[in-house]
C-alpha cells in the first residue's frame, strides 16, 4: 500500500514539475494547443527486476528514444527516483502525442518496427528487464502552466 501511494505521489510530483518546465520552455503555442484539446501527455512508469535498471536505461539511451522519434512520439523527460522503495528499479518518463488516437497509432507502429524488436530482443538476452509497465494519459488543466 505504501509503495502504491509513494508511486502515485512521485508520478504526480514529476507531472507537476514537467508541466511547469514544459510551459516555461514552450511558450504560447503549447498554451493554445492545451486550451484547444490538442496535445496529450503519457506518463509511463517501468519497474525492473533487481539489478536491471542500468540495462533498461541503456536500452532507452541507445535505442528506444530514436525509435520513439521515428514514430512521432516526443520525449519530454526521463527520471529515476532517488528514494526507496522506487530507487534502483524504476524509470518514469513522459511522452507527448498530438492526440490519444495518434498515440495509439504511434505505439502500434513502434511495436511493429523490426529495428525496435531486434533491440528489445538483444537487450533481454539475459532475461526480461521490465516486470511492470504502467501508462497514464493526461491533459493540461485550465490552471496549468501549459495553458
Protein backbone atom coordinates (compact mmCIF):
# COMPACT_ATOMS: atom_id res chain seq x y z
CA UNK A 1 0.00 0.00 0.00
CA UNK A 2 2.82 2.41 0.89
CA UNK A 3 4.61 1.60 -2.38
CA UNK A 4 1.46 2.36 -4.43
CA UNK A 5 0.97 5.65 -2.57
CA UNK A 6 4.65 6.55 -3.00
CA UNK A 7 4.47 5.72 -6.70
CA UNK A 8 1.39 7.91 -7.23
CA UNK A 9 2.93 10.73 -5.23
CA UNK A 10 6.13 10.53 -7.26
CA UNK A 11 4.29 10.45 -10.59
CA UNK A 12 2.18 13.42 -9.52
CA UNK A 13 5.25 15.37 -8.50
CA UNK A 14 7.03 14.58 -11.76
CA UNK A 15 3.97 15.67 -13.72
CA UNK A 16 3.72 18.99 -11.87
CA UNK A 17 7.42 19.68 -12.36
CA UNK A 18 7.32 18.67 -16.01
CA UNK A 19 4.23 20.77 -16.69
CA UNK A 20 5.96 23.78 -15.20
CA UNK A 21 9.14 23.15 -17.17
CA UNK A 22 7.42 22.47 -20.48
CA UNK A 23 5.21 25.52 -20.01
CA UNK A 24 8.19 27.74 -19.32
CA UNK A 25 10.22 26.42 -22.25
CA UNK A 26 7.48 26.07 -24.85
CA UNK A 27 5.88 29.47 -24.96
CA UNK A 28 2.41 30.40 -26.17
CA UNK A 29 1.98 27.72 -28.87
CA UNK A 30 1.74 24.98 -26.22
CA UNK A 31 -0.82 27.07 -24.34
CA UNK A 32 -3.01 27.30 -27.42
CA UNK A 33 -2.88 23.54 -28.02
CA UNK A 34 -3.68 22.75 -24.38
CA UNK A 35 -6.72 25.04 -24.43
CA UNK A 36 -7.95 23.59 -27.72
CA UNK A 37 -7.58 19.99 -26.58
CA UNK A 38 -4.54 19.30 -28.76
CA UNK A 39 -1.56 17.55 -27.25
CA UNK A 40 -1.81 14.80 -24.69
CA UNK A 41 0.93 13.58 -22.40
CA UNK A 42 1.58 9.99 -21.44
CA UNK A 43 3.26 9.29 -18.13
CA UNK A 44 4.87 5.85 -18.19
CA UNK A 45 6.39 4.06 -15.21
CA UNK A 46 8.50 0.93 -15.68
CA UNK A 47 9.59 -1.37 -12.88
CA UNK A 48 12.61 -3.60 -13.41
CA UNK A 49 13.80 -6.76 -11.72
CA UNK A 50 16.54 -6.16 -9.17
CA UNK A 51 19.78 -5.13 -10.87
CA UNK A 52 18.21 -4.47 -14.30
CA UNK A 53 17.63 -0.70 -14.20
CA UNK A 54 21.01 0.02 -15.83
CA UNK A 55 20.10 -2.31 -18.71
CA UNK A 56 16.76 -0.55 -19.17
CA UNK A 57 18.41 2.88 -19.13
CA UNK A 58 20.95 1.67 -21.69
CA UNK A 59 18.16 0.41 -23.96
CA UNK A 60 16.42 3.78 -23.79
CA UNK A 61 19.64 5.73 -24.23
CA UNK A 62 20.94 3.65 -27.15
CA UNK A 63 17.76 2.55 -28.94
CA UNK A 64 14.28 3.33 -27.65
CA UNK A 65 14.39 7.12 -27.83
CA UNK A 66 15.37 7.15 -31.50
CA UNK A 67 12.53 4.74 -32.33
CA UNK A 68 10.12 6.93 -30.38
CA UNK A 69 11.24 9.86 -32.56
CA UNK A 70 10.89 7.74 -35.69
CA UNK A 71 7.27 7.00 -34.80
CA UNK A 72 6.16 10.51 -33.79
CA UNK A 73 6.44 10.17 -30.02
CA UNK A 74 8.15 13.22 -28.50
CA UNK A 75 10.20 12.57 -25.37
CA UNK A 76 9.52 15.19 -22.69
CA UNK A 77 11.77 13.77 -19.97
CA UNK A 78 13.10 10.69 -18.20
CA UNK A 79 13.56 10.26 -14.44
CA UNK A 80 14.73 7.69 -11.92
CA UNK A 81 13.52 8.03 -8.32
CA UNK A 82 16.08 8.84 -5.67
CA UNK A 83 14.34 7.37 -2.62
CA UNK A 84 13.19 3.88 -1.65
CA UNK A 85 11.16 1.93 -2.39
CA UNK A 86 11.32 3.02 -6.07
CA UNK A 87 15.03 3.89 -6.25
CA UNK A 88 17.10 1.37 -8.17
CA UNK A 89 14.26 -0.32 -10.05
CA UNK A 90 12.01 2.38 -11.56
CA UNK A 91 12.09 4.52 -14.69
CA UNK A 92 9.48 7.23 -15.18
CA UNK A 93 9.14 9.11 -18.43
CA UNK A 94 6.72 11.37 -20.25
CA UNK A 95 5.87 11.31 -23.94
CA UNK A 96 3.96 13.96 -25.86
CA UNK A 97 1.43 12.94 -28.52
CA UNK A 98 -0.75 15.07 -30.80
CA UNK A 99 -3.83 13.13 -29.59
CA UNK A 100 -4.92 9.84 -27.99
CA UNK A 101 -5.63 8.46 -31.46
CA UNK A 102 -2.14 9.42 -32.65
CA UNK A 103 -0.64 7.82 -29.53
CA UNK A 104 -2.40 4.55 -30.30
CA UNK A 105 -1.18 4.58 -33.92
CA UNK A 106 2.35 5.61 -32.88
CA UNK A 107 2.59 2.79 -30.34
CA UNK A 108 1.36 0.24 -32.89
CA UNK A 109 3.97 1.38 -35.42
CA UNK A 110 6.68 1.41 -32.76
CA UNK A 111 5.86 -2.13 -31.57
CA UNK A 112 5.86 -3.41 -35.17
CA UNK A 113 9.21 -1.78 -36.03
CA UNK A 114 11.69 -4.60 -36.79
CA UNK A 115 14.64 -2.47 -35.59
CA UNK A 116 12.90 -1.96 -32.23
CA UNK A 117 12.03 -5.65 -31.99
CA UNK A 118 15.68 -6.55 -32.59
CA UNK A 119 16.93 -4.04 -29.98
CA UNK A 120 14.39 -5.32 -27.43
CA UNK A 121 15.33 -8.95 -28.04
CA UNK A 122 19.05 -8.21 -27.75
CA UNK A 123 18.58 -6.19 -24.55
CA UNK A 124 16.70 -9.10 -23.00
CA UNK A 125 19.27 -11.78 -23.86
CA UNK A 126 19.98 -12.20 -20.12
CA UNK A 127 16.28 -12.06 -19.16
CA UNK A 128 13.43 -9.59 -19.08
CA UNK A 129 14.33 -6.08 -17.97
CA UNK A 130 10.79 -4.81 -17.34
CA UNK A 131 8.44 -6.57 -14.94
CA UNK A 132 5.68 -3.94 -14.89
CA UNK A 133 4.71 -1.08 -17.22
CA UNK A 134 2.08 1.50 -16.30
CA UNK A 135 0.68 4.25 -18.52
CA UNK A 136 -1.49 7.25 -17.71
CA UNK A 137 -2.68 9.80 -20.29
CA UNK A 138 -3.12 13.36 -19.05
CA UNK A 139 -4.07 16.76 -20.41
CA UNK A 140 -3.25 20.18 -19.01
CA UNK A 141 -5.76 21.74 -16.64
CA UNK A 142 -7.01 25.28 -17.21
CA UNK A 143 -4.66 26.50 -14.42
CA UNK A 144 -1.59 24.60 -15.58
CA UNK A 145 1.50 26.46 -16.78
CA UNK A 146 0.76 24.68 -20.08
CA UNK A 147 -2.47 26.63 -20.57
